[in-house]
Amino acid sequence: MVPVVKTMRVVPVAGYDSMLLNLAGAHEPFFTRNVVVMTDSNGNEGVGEVPGGEVITQRLESCIPLVEGRPIAEYKQIVQDCTRMLQGQVAGVAGAGAGGAETAHAQIFKKVTNVVTGVETPLLDLLGQHLNVPVAALLGEGQVRTEVRFLAYLFYVGDRTLTDMPYIHDDDNSDEWGRIRREPAMDTDAVVRQAKAAAARFGFKDFKLKGGVFAPEKEIETVKALKKEFPDARITIDPNAAWSLDESVRLCRGLEGTLTYVEDPCGAEGRFSARETMAEFHRQTGLPTATNMCDTDWREMKAAIRLDSVTIPLADPHFWTMQGCVRVAQLCHDIDLTWGVHSNNHFDISLAMVAQAAAAAPGNLNACDTHYMWQDGQHLGKTAPQFHDGCLTVDPNVPGLGIQLDHDKLEAAHQLYVENNCGTRDDARGMQYYIPNWQYDPHRPAMVR
């Protein structure tokens, strides 16, 4: 007998973060997520994790009547029904947010896929448990690998002591990574130290620097120092399109042996779209390009492929859905592109989602982005994820998503969210301690004012 969904619960949660710097400012002391928990008539529990914020919480809750009471075998139809309803909701607020510069994070609220994924993933988890197969076996053409490689996501880190915000500190003195991940990292030497410590704990072989913080010459200096320290590593930088086309070409031309690829070096400029400037950057430098900004749905994908803008589409399952991001991987395999994954701050449920999707992704894979090194130790499952040589194992004998939820930890994360009045992320607040009246500018690095 096929089980039915008995309950669907949406739990807004928070975790601790460091003062990570990026084009949009400084990460707040708490990051937020929405965890979806479904139970079925066989007593199994399915889970999913998607971005935080009250808008997504409310949209997920509006899906509950379309989910409860239905057989898990109807998961595709359930996802379709929720998608249609959500698209109607978004159409009703299409003009919201006009008139001011929006960060990439703010723009995700206009996409329904991050909500749809919150319904899709726990359904796939339940179905996998019912059929005794991992979620990866239900995606694309099935599971194609058991080892999934991740990269070290490096950041410049602000000085929390210059603020009165409740940033966590001294929470982990077990090794060098635990000791330094909450402390300032405002220059090249500090970022290289970060990379060495993360490699020692997790075994990472690939490195990504979040740029868009300082003058680009300083950030390129850091990239070169990382390559000197890790000569065999694949290294990239992501300035979130803060640089102009001319600037990005000048900075990156001749760095083929240093930068393996460049993520969103430039964006829309004058009468040219971001996909057009990215294509021009690719032609002028010969460097492969990656993006999670200008190739985020199928219509944008079509334009990017026609222009030869993007070598590595970063198809985050949270923004493409689990099935959608594996479809991107299949397309990449068929037309000689490389599939990759974008990341934001997340718990272990999202980490498992990425690993399952990557385990079903055919062809060449870029090491998957993850922020989890900054959240390590805050897992919501009963056991912590274990990286080996920079990889996670997706065991074909473990059914579903592979997460056994610890309800005490989930409740503690929810209480952290409630007690600190968490909601929509605002990276500008922390930056205003550094630079009074600081405001986001998509064309100027955060510390350049």
Protein backbone atom coordinates (compact mmCIF):
# COMPACT_ATOMS: atom_id res chain seq x y z
CA MET A 1 0.00 0.00 0.00
CA VAL A 2 1.35 3.42 -0.98
CA PRO A 3 1.54 5.67 2.09
CA VAL A 4 -0.13 9.08 2.19
CA VAL A 5 1.17 12.32 3.67
CA LYS A 6 -0.38 12.72 7.11
CA THR A 7 1.20 16.01 8.17
CA MET A 8 3.33 18.80 6.72
CA ARG A 9 4.98 21.25 9.09
CA VAL A 10 7.02 24.37 8.25
CA VAL A 11 9.61 25.36 10.85
CA PRO A 12 11.54 28.65 10.48
CA VAL A 13 14.96 28.17 12.07
CA ALA A 14 18.16 30.10 12.69
CA GLY A 15 21.81 29.22 13.12
CA TYR A 16 24.93 31.15 14.06
CA ASP A 17 27.12 32.82 11.45
CA SER A 18 30.41 34.70 11.28
CA MET A 19 30.69 38.28 10.01
CA LEU A 20 31.28 37.17 6.42
CA LEU A 21 31.76 40.06 3.98
CA ASN A 22 30.33 40.24 0.48
CA LEU A 23 29.11 42.81 -2.05
CA ALA A 24 25.82 43.18 -0.17
CA GLY A 25 27.56 43.94 3.14
CA ALA A 26 28.21 41.72 6.16
CA HIS A 27 26.38 38.57 7.21
CA GLU A 28 24.31 39.06 10.34
CA PRO A 29 24.96 37.01 13.50
CA PHE A 30 22.18 34.60 12.56
CA PHE A 31 21.30 32.99 9.24
CA THR A 32 17.76 31.76 8.66
CA ARG A 33 16.25 28.76 6.90
CA ASN A 34 12.89 27.06 6.56
CA VAL A 35 12.76 23.35 7.40
CA VAL A 36 9.82 21.32 6.10
CA VAL A 37 8.90 18.11 7.92
CA MET A 38 6.39 15.63 6.50
CA THR A 39 5.15 12.40 8.08
CA ASP A 40 3.41 9.61 6.20
CA SER A 41 0.93 6.90 7.13
CA ASN A 42 3.75 4.36 7.54
CA GLY A 43 5.35 6.47 10.26
CA ASN A 44 8.26 7.69 8.13
CA GLU A 45 9.50 11.28 8.27
CA GLY A 46 10.69 13.28 5.26
CA VAL A 47 12.60 16.55 5.50
CA GLY A 48 13.70 19.44 3.32
CA GLU A 49 15.47 22.78 3.84
CA VAL A 50 15.13 25.97 1.82
CA PRO A 51 16.07 29.66 2.28
CA GLY A 52 14.72 31.60 5.24
CA GLY A 53 12.41 34.57 5.50
CA GLU A 54 8.76 35.09 6.33
CA VAL A 55 7.66 35.27 2.69
CA ILE A 56 8.93 31.76 2.01
CA THR A 57 7.51 30.51 5.32
CA GLN A 58 4.05 31.79 4.43
CA ARG A 59 4.18 30.42 0.89
CA LEU A 60 5.20 27.00 2.18
CA GLU A 61 2.36 27.04 4.69
CA SER A 62 -0.08 27.86 1.89
CA CYS A 63 0.93 24.56 0.22
CA ILE A 64 -0.11 22.39 3.18
CA PRO A 65 -3.74 21.81 2.00
CA LEU A 66 -2.41 20.64 -1.38
CA VAL A 67 -0.07 18.12 0.25
CA GLU A 68 -1.70 16.53 3.28
CA GLY A 69 -3.81 13.44 2.64
CA ARG A 70 -2.30 12.63 -0.75
CA PRO A 71 -0.27 9.52 -1.69
CA ILE A 72 3.47 10.11 -1.88
CA ALA A 73 3.43 8.40 -5.31
CA GLU A 74 1.63 11.52 -6.59
CA TYR A 75 4.63 13.70 -5.71
CA LYS A 76 5.02 15.05 -9.24
CA GLN A 77 1.38 16.07 -9.42
CA ILE A 78 1.56 17.57 -5.92
CA VAL A 79 4.57 19.64 -6.99
CA GLN A 80 2.70 20.76 -10.12
CA ASP A 81 -0.33 21.81 -8.10
CA CYS A 82 1.79 23.78 -5.63
CA THR A 83 3.72 25.44 -8.47
CA ARG A 84 0.55 26.67 -10.17
CA MET A 85 -0.83 28.06 -6.93
CA LEU A 86 2.45 29.78 -6.03
CA GLN A 87 2.81 31.32 -9.48
CA GLY A 88 -0.61 32.87 -8.96
CA GLN A 89 0.50 34.30 -5.62
CA VAL A 90 3.65 35.82 -7.10
CA ALA A 91 1.74 37.27 -10.05
CA GLY A 92 -0.36 39.15 -7.54
CA VAL A 93 2.70 40.97 -6.11
CA ALA A 94 4.71 41.28 -9.32
CA GLY A 95 5.45 44.96 -8.79
CA ALA A 96 6.88 44.58 -5.29
CA GLY A 97 10.39 45.86 -4.71
CA ALA A 98 10.57 48.16 -7.72
CA GLY A 99 12.49 51.40 -7.50
CA GLY A 100 15.61 50.43 -5.57
CA ALA A 101 18.69 48.28 -5.92
CA GLU A 102 18.05 44.73 -4.81
CA THR A 103 20.66 42.21 -3.69
CA ALA A 104 20.72 38.78 -5.28
CA HIS A 105 19.44 37.43 -1.96
CA ALA A 106 16.38 39.69 -2.07
CA GLN A 107 15.58 38.60 -5.59
CA ILE A 108 15.16 34.96 -4.58
CA PHE A 109 11.83 35.84 -2.98
CA LYS A 110 10.44 36.47 -6.45
CA LYS A 111 11.16 32.87 -7.47
CA VAL A 112 8.68 30.16 -6.54
CA THR A 113 11.15 27.34 -7.08
CA ASN A 114 12.73 27.74 -3.64
CA VAL A 115 9.27 27.14 -2.15
CA VAL A 116 8.48 24.28 -4.53
CA THR A 117 11.74 22.58 -3.51
CA GLY A 118 10.55 22.74 0.09
CA VAL A 119 7.58 20.58 -0.91
CA GLU A 120 9.41 18.36 -3.41
CA THR A 121 12.35 17.32 -1.21
CA PRO A 122 10.50 15.80 1.77
CA LEU A 123 8.20 13.98 -0.69
CA LEU A 124 11.25 12.51 -2.43
CA ASP A 125 12.70 11.64 0.98
CA LEU A 126 9.51 9.76 1.90
CA LEU A 127 9.33 8.02 -1.47
CA GLY A 128 12.96 6.95 -1.23
CA GLN A 129 12.35 5.48 2.21
CA HIS A 130 9.23 3.66 0.94
CA LEU A 131 11.14 2.18 -2.02
CA ASN A 132 14.35 1.63 0.01
CA VAL A 133 16.51 3.71 -2.35
CA PRO A 134 18.35 7.04 -1.92
CA VAL A 135 16.85 10.22 -3.34
CA ALA A 136 19.62 10.20 -5.97
CA ALA A 137 18.10 7.02 -7.43
CA LEU A 138 14.84 8.94 -8.07
CA LEU A 139 16.48 11.83 -9.94
CA GLY A 140 17.48 12.02 -13.61
CA GLU A 141 18.71 8.64 -14.79
CA GLY A 142 19.47 7.50 -11.24
CA GLN A 143 22.55 7.51 -9.03
CA VAL A 144 25.81 7.69 -11.01
CA ARG A 145 28.39 8.27 -8.23
CA THR A 146 28.83 7.69 -4.53
CA GLU A 147 31.48 10.36 -3.81
CA VAL A 148 30.62 14.06 -4.20
CA ARG A 149 33.40 16.65 -4.04
CA PHE A 150 32.89 20.02 -2.32
CA LEU A 151 35.01 23.17 -2.24
CA ALA A 152 36.18 25.49 0.52
CA TYR A 153 34.19 28.74 0.39
CA LEU A 154 36.53 31.46 1.66
CA PHE A 155 35.48 34.92 2.87
CA TYR A 156 36.98 38.11 4.10
CA VAL A 157 35.59 38.36 7.65
CA GLY A 158 34.78 41.58 9.47
CA ASP A 159 35.71 42.42 13.05
CA ARG A 160 32.68 41.51 15.17
CA THR A 161 34.09 43.50 18.12
CA LEU A 162 33.46 46.75 16.24
CA THR A 163 29.74 46.02 16.53
CA ASP A 164 27.30 45.42 19.36
CA MET A 165 25.71 42.56 17.41
CA PRO A 166 25.65 39.11 19.10
CA TYR A 167 28.09 37.23 16.85
CA ILE A 168 29.11 33.83 18.14
CA HIS A 169 32.75 33.36 19.18
CA ASP A 170 34.96 30.90 21.04
CA ASP A 171 32.54 28.09 20.23
CA ASP A 172 35.11 25.62 18.87
CA ASN A 173 38.73 25.39 19.93
CA SER A 174 39.26 21.84 18.67
CA ASP A 175 41.56 22.84 15.80
CA GLU A 176 42.84 25.80 13.79
CA TRP A 177 39.66 26.11 11.72
CA GLY A 178 37.49 26.23 14.82
CA ARG A 179 39.71 28.89 16.38
CA ILE A 180 39.87 31.29 13.40
CA ARG A 181 36.50 31.07 11.66
CA ARG A 182 34.91 33.69 13.94
CA GLU A 183 37.88 36.09 13.86
CA PRO A 184 38.66 38.95 11.43
CA ALA A 185 40.20 38.07 8.06
CA MET A 186 40.73 41.35 6.26
CA ASP A 187 43.85 40.66 4.23
CA THR A 188 45.48 38.07 1.99
CA ASP A 189 47.48 36.32 4.72
CA ALA A 190 44.36 35.80 6.83
CA VAL A 191 42.43 34.27 3.93
CA VAL A 192 45.31 31.90 3.09
CA ARG A 193 45.39 30.87 6.75
CA GLN A 194 41.65 30.24 6.48
CA ALA A 195 42.16 28.02 3.43
CA LYS A 196 44.90 25.97 5.10
CA ALA A 197 42.78 25.44 8.21
CA ALA A 198 39.67 24.43 6.23
CA ALA A 199 41.74 22.03 4.10
CA ALA A 200 43.17 20.46 7.24
CA ARG A 201 39.74 19.82 8.79
CA PHE A 202 37.72 18.86 5.70
CA GLY A 203 40.29 17.81 3.11
CA PHE A 204 39.14 20.35 0.51
CA LYS A 205 41.14 20.45 -2.72
CA ASP A 206 39.32 23.38 -4.37
CA PHE A 207 38.85 26.96 -3.20
CA LYS A 208 36.46 29.81 -3.93
CA LEU A 209 36.99 33.37 -2.68
CA LYS A 210 33.98 35.61 -2.18
CA GLY A 211 35.01 38.89 -3.77
CA GLY A 212 33.20 42.19 -4.18
CA VAL A 213 34.56 43.39 -0.83
CA PHE A 214 37.82 45.26 -1.46
CA ALA A 215 39.37 46.87 -4.51
CA PRO A 216 39.62 44.10 -7.11
CA GLU A 217 43.42 44.31 -7.32
CA LYS A 218 43.62 43.30 -3.65
CA GLU A 219 41.30 40.36 -4.24
CA ILE A 220 43.31 39.16 -7.24
CA GLU A 221 46.40 39.35 -5.01
CA THR A 222 44.64 36.97 -2.61
CA VAL A 223 43.76 34.59 -5.44
CA LYS A 224 47.41 34.49 -6.54
CA ALA A 225 48.53 33.78 -2.97
CA LEU A 226 46.02 30.90 -2.73
CA LYS A 227 47.37 29.41 -5.94
CA LYS A 228 50.94 29.70 -4.65
CA GLU A 229 49.93 27.88 -1.45
CA PHE A 230 47.84 25.26 -3.29
CA PRO A 231 49.42 24.90 -6.75
CA ASP A 232 47.26 21.91 -7.76
CA ALA A 233 43.95 23.43 -6.62
CA ARG A 234 41.07 24.62 -8.76
CA ILE A 235 40.60 28.24 -7.65
CA THR A 236 37.92 30.80 -8.47
CA ILE A 237 36.70 34.20 -7.32
CA ASP A 238 33.13 35.47 -7.16
CA PRO A 239 32.74 39.28 -7.00
CA ASN A 240 28.97 39.02 -7.67
CA ALA A 241 29.30 41.05 -10.89
CA ALA A 242 30.73 44.08 -9.07
CA TRP A 243 33.43 44.63 -11.69
CA SER A 244 32.92 46.26 -15.08
CA LEU A 245 33.66 44.27 -18.22
CA ASP A 246 36.82 46.28 -18.95
CA GLU A 247 37.98 45.95 -15.36
CA SER A 248 37.36 42.20 -15.19
CA VAL A 249 39.18 41.58 -18.49
CA ARG A 250 42.14 43.69 -17.36
CA LEU A 251 42.34 41.91 -14.03
CA CYS A 252 41.90 38.34 -15.24
CA ARG A 253 43.56 38.23 -18.64
CA GLY A 254 46.71 36.14 -18.40
CA LEU A 255 45.59 34.31 -15.23
CA GLU A 256 44.74 31.02 -16.99
CA GLY A 257 47.21 29.14 -14.79
CA THR A 258 45.91 30.77 -11.62
CA LEU A 259 42.14 31.07 -12.01
CA THR A 260 40.51 27.83 -13.15
CA TYR A 261 37.28 29.73 -13.82
CA VAL A 262 35.66 33.01 -12.76
CA GLU A 263 32.19 33.34 -11.27
CA ASP A 264 30.12 36.38 -12.24
CA PRO A 265 33.03 38.77 -12.86
CA CYS A 266 30.75 41.34 -14.53
CA GLY A 267 27.07 42.01 -14.99
CA ALA A 268 24.61 44.08 -16.99
CA GLU A 269 26.26 47.19 -18.38
CA GLY A 270 24.62 49.97 -20.37
CA ARG A 271 22.55 48.41 -23.13
CA PHE A 272 24.17 44.98 -22.67
CA SER A 273 22.79 42.20 -20.47
CA ALA A 274 24.91 40.28 -17.98
CA ARG A 275 24.87 37.31 -20.33
CA GLU A 276 26.33 39.49 -23.10
CA THR A 277 29.11 40.94 -20.92
CA MET A 278 29.93 37.48 -19.56
CA ALA A 279 30.21 36.17 -23.12
CA GLU A 280 32.56 39.00 -24.00
CA PHE A 281 34.67 38.33 -20.89
CA HIS A 282 34.88 34.65 -21.85
CA ARG A 283 35.98 35.50 -25.41
CA GLN A 284 38.56 38.09 -24.39
CA THR A 285 40.21 36.15 -21.55
CA GLY A 286 39.67 32.54 -22.59
CA LEU A 287 38.73 31.78 -18.97
CA PRO A 288 35.73 29.56 -18.22
CA THR A 289 32.83 31.31 -16.49
CA ALA A 290 30.35 30.29 -13.81
CA THR A 291 27.17 31.99 -12.64
CA ASN A 292 24.29 31.80 -10.23
CA MET A 293 23.11 35.29 -11.20
CA CYS A 294 22.34 35.45 -14.92
CA ASP A 295 21.48 31.82 -15.71
CA THR A 296 18.90 30.88 -13.09
CA ASP A 297 15.97 29.50 -15.08
CA TRP A 298 15.36 27.80 -18.43
CA ARG A 299 14.73 30.98 -20.39
CA GLU A 300 17.97 32.51 -19.14
CA MET A 301 19.74 29.20 -19.79
CA LYS A 302 18.67 29.28 -23.45
CA ALA A 303 20.05 32.81 -23.87
CA ALA A 304 23.31 31.96 -22.06
CA ILE A 305 23.92 28.92 -24.26
CA ARG A 306 23.25 30.88 -27.46
CA LEU A 307 25.74 33.56 -26.40
CA ASP A 308 28.35 31.14 -24.99
CA SER A 309 28.21 33.12 -21.76
CA VAL A 310 28.53 30.38 -19.17
CA THR A 311 30.78 27.35 -18.91
CA ILE A 312 29.60 26.24 -15.46
CA PRO A 313 25.91 26.83 -14.65
CA LEU A 314 25.56 26.76 -10.86
CA ALA A 315 22.22 24.99 -10.58
CA ASP A 316 21.39 25.13 -6.89
CA PRO A 317 18.61 22.59 -6.11
CA HIS A 318 17.01 25.17 -3.82
CA PHE A 319 16.41 27.51 -6.77
CA TRP A 320 15.97 24.95 -9.57
CA THR A 321 14.25 22.16 -7.56
CA MET A 322 15.91 18.79 -7.03
CA GLN A 323 14.68 17.42 -10.32
CA GLY A 324 15.37 20.68 -12.19
CA CYS A 325 19.01 20.95 -11.13
CA VAL A 326 19.67 17.38 -12.27
CA ARG A 327 18.01 18.22 -15.60
CA VAL A 328 20.55 21.04 -15.89
CA ALA A 329 23.32 18.52 -15.21
CA GLN A 330 21.98 16.25 -17.96
CA LEU A 331 21.93 19.18 -20.39
CA CYS A 332 25.48 20.15 -19.41
CA HIS A 333 26.62 16.58 -20.03
CA ASP A 334 24.98 16.51 -23.47
CA ILE A 335 26.40 19.84 -24.71
CA ASP A 336 29.85 19.76 -23.07
CA LEU A 337 29.32 22.16 -20.18
CA THR A 338 30.26 21.57 -16.54
CA TRP A 339 27.57 21.40 -13.86
CA GLY A 340 28.05 23.09 -10.50
CA VAL A 341 26.07 24.21 -7.44
CA HIS A 342 25.63 27.59 -5.77
CA SER A 343 25.44 27.84 -1.97
CA ASN A 344 24.18 30.01 0.84
CA ASN A 345 24.40 29.52 4.61
CA HIS A 346 22.65 26.27 5.44
CA PHE A 347 22.26 23.32 7.77
CA ASP A 348 23.04 19.66 7.06
CA ILE A 349 19.67 18.99 5.42
CA SER A 350 20.57 21.29 2.53
CA LEU A 351 24.02 19.72 2.40
CA ALA A 352 22.40 16.32 1.95
CA MET A 353 20.10 17.72 -0.75
CA VAL A 354 23.09 18.98 -2.74
CA ALA A 355 24.97 15.71 -2.29
CA GLN A 356 21.99 13.65 -3.49
CA ALA A 357 21.51 15.86 -6.55
CA ALA A 358 25.22 15.71 -7.37
CA ALA A 359 25.19 11.93 -6.98
CA ALA A 360 22.61 11.82 -9.81
CA ALA A 361 24.37 14.39 -12.01
CA PRO A 362 26.06 12.82 -15.06
CA GLY A 363 29.23 14.07 -16.73
CA ASN A 364 31.74 16.61 -15.45
CA LEU A 365 31.03 18.17 -12.08
CA ASN A 366 32.60 21.20 -10.52
CA ALA A 367 33.25 20.81 -6.81
CA CYS A 368 29.98 21.82 -5.15
CA ASP A 369 29.76 25.13 -3.29
CA THR A 370 28.96 24.91 0.39
CA HIS A 371 28.92 27.31 3.32
CA TYR A 372 28.71 24.36 5.71
CA MET A 373 32.30 24.81 6.91
CA TRP A 374 31.07 28.00 8.60
CA GLN A 375 28.14 26.14 10.18
CA ASP A 376 29.95 22.88 11.01
CA GLY A 377 28.69 21.55 14.34
CA GLN A 378 25.17 22.98 14.00
CA HIS A 379 23.62 19.95 12.28
CA LEU A 380 19.91 19.21 12.75
CA GLY A 381 20.27 15.50 12.08
CA LYS A 382 21.18 12.95 14.73
CA THR A 383 24.64 12.46 13.20
CA ALA A 384 27.01 15.07 11.79
CA PRO A 385 28.07 15.03 8.13
CA GLN A 386 31.54 13.58 7.64
CA PHE A 387 33.82 14.94 4.91
CA HIS A 388 36.59 12.67 3.69
CA ASP A 389 39.22 14.14 1.38
CA GLY A 390 36.82 17.01 0.61
CA CYS A 391 34.00 14.63 -0.33
CA LEU A 392 30.70 13.38 1.08
CA THR A 393 29.58 9.81 0.48
CA VAL A 394 26.08 9.11 -0.84
CA ASP A 395 25.56 5.50 0.21
CA PRO A 396 23.25 3.64 -2.21
CA ASN A 397 22.14 1.46 0.71
CA VAL A 398 20.81 4.39 2.77
CA PRO A 399 17.24 5.23 1.69
CA GLY A 400 15.79 8.69 1.22
CA LEU A 401 17.77 11.82 1.98
CA GLY A 402 19.79 10.08 4.69
CA ILE A 403 18.88 12.57 7.44
CA GLN A 404 17.38 11.37 10.72
CA LEU A 405 16.00 14.55 12.23
CA ASP A 406 16.89 15.44 15.82
CA HIS A 407 13.72 17.16 17.00
CA ASP A 408 15.39 18.70 20.05
CA LYS A 409 17.94 20.41 17.80
CA LEU A 410 15.22 21.51 15.40
CA GLU A 411 13.26 23.07 18.25
CA ALA A 412 16.38 24.81 19.59
CA ALA A 413 17.04 26.28 16.13
CA HIS A 414 13.43 27.44 15.95
CA GLN A 415 13.70 29.07 19.39
CA LEU A 416 16.90 30.84 18.29
CA TYR A 417 14.89 32.22 15.35
CA VAL A 418 12.03 33.38 17.58
CA GLU A 419 14.09 34.80 20.44
CA ASN A 420 16.24 36.90 18.11
CA ASN A 421 13.31 38.09 16.00
CA CYS A 422 14.97 36.76 12.87
CA GLY A 423 13.45 37.30 9.46
CA THR A 424 14.65 38.61 6.14
CA ARG A 425 18.41 38.91 5.91
CA ASP A 426 19.89 42.42 5.96
CA ASP A 427 23.62 42.52 5.20
CA ALA A 428 23.68 46.33 5.25
CA ARG A 429 23.25 46.55 9.03
CA GLY A 430 26.66 45.16 9.94
CA MET A 431 28.46 47.25 7.33
CA GLN A 432 27.10 50.45 8.84
CA TYR A 433 29.38 49.89 11.85
CA TYR A 434 32.34 50.10 9.46
CA ILE A 435 31.00 52.85 7.20
CA PRO A 436 28.21 55.08 8.61
CA ASN A 437 25.09 55.20 6.41
CA TRP A 438 26.52 52.48 4.17
CA GLN A 439 24.17 51.37 1.38
CA TYR A 440 24.36 48.54 -1.11
CA ASP A 441 25.69 49.43 -4.55
CA PRO A 442 25.81 46.54 -7.06
CA HIS A 443 28.73 48.17 -8.89
CA ARG A 444 31.00 49.04 -5.96
CA PRO A 445 32.79 46.58 -3.63
CA ALA A 446 31.47 46.75 -0.10
CA MET A 447 34.55 48.39 1.47
CA VAL A 448 35.09 50.82 -1.40
CA ARG A 449 33.12 53.98 -0.52
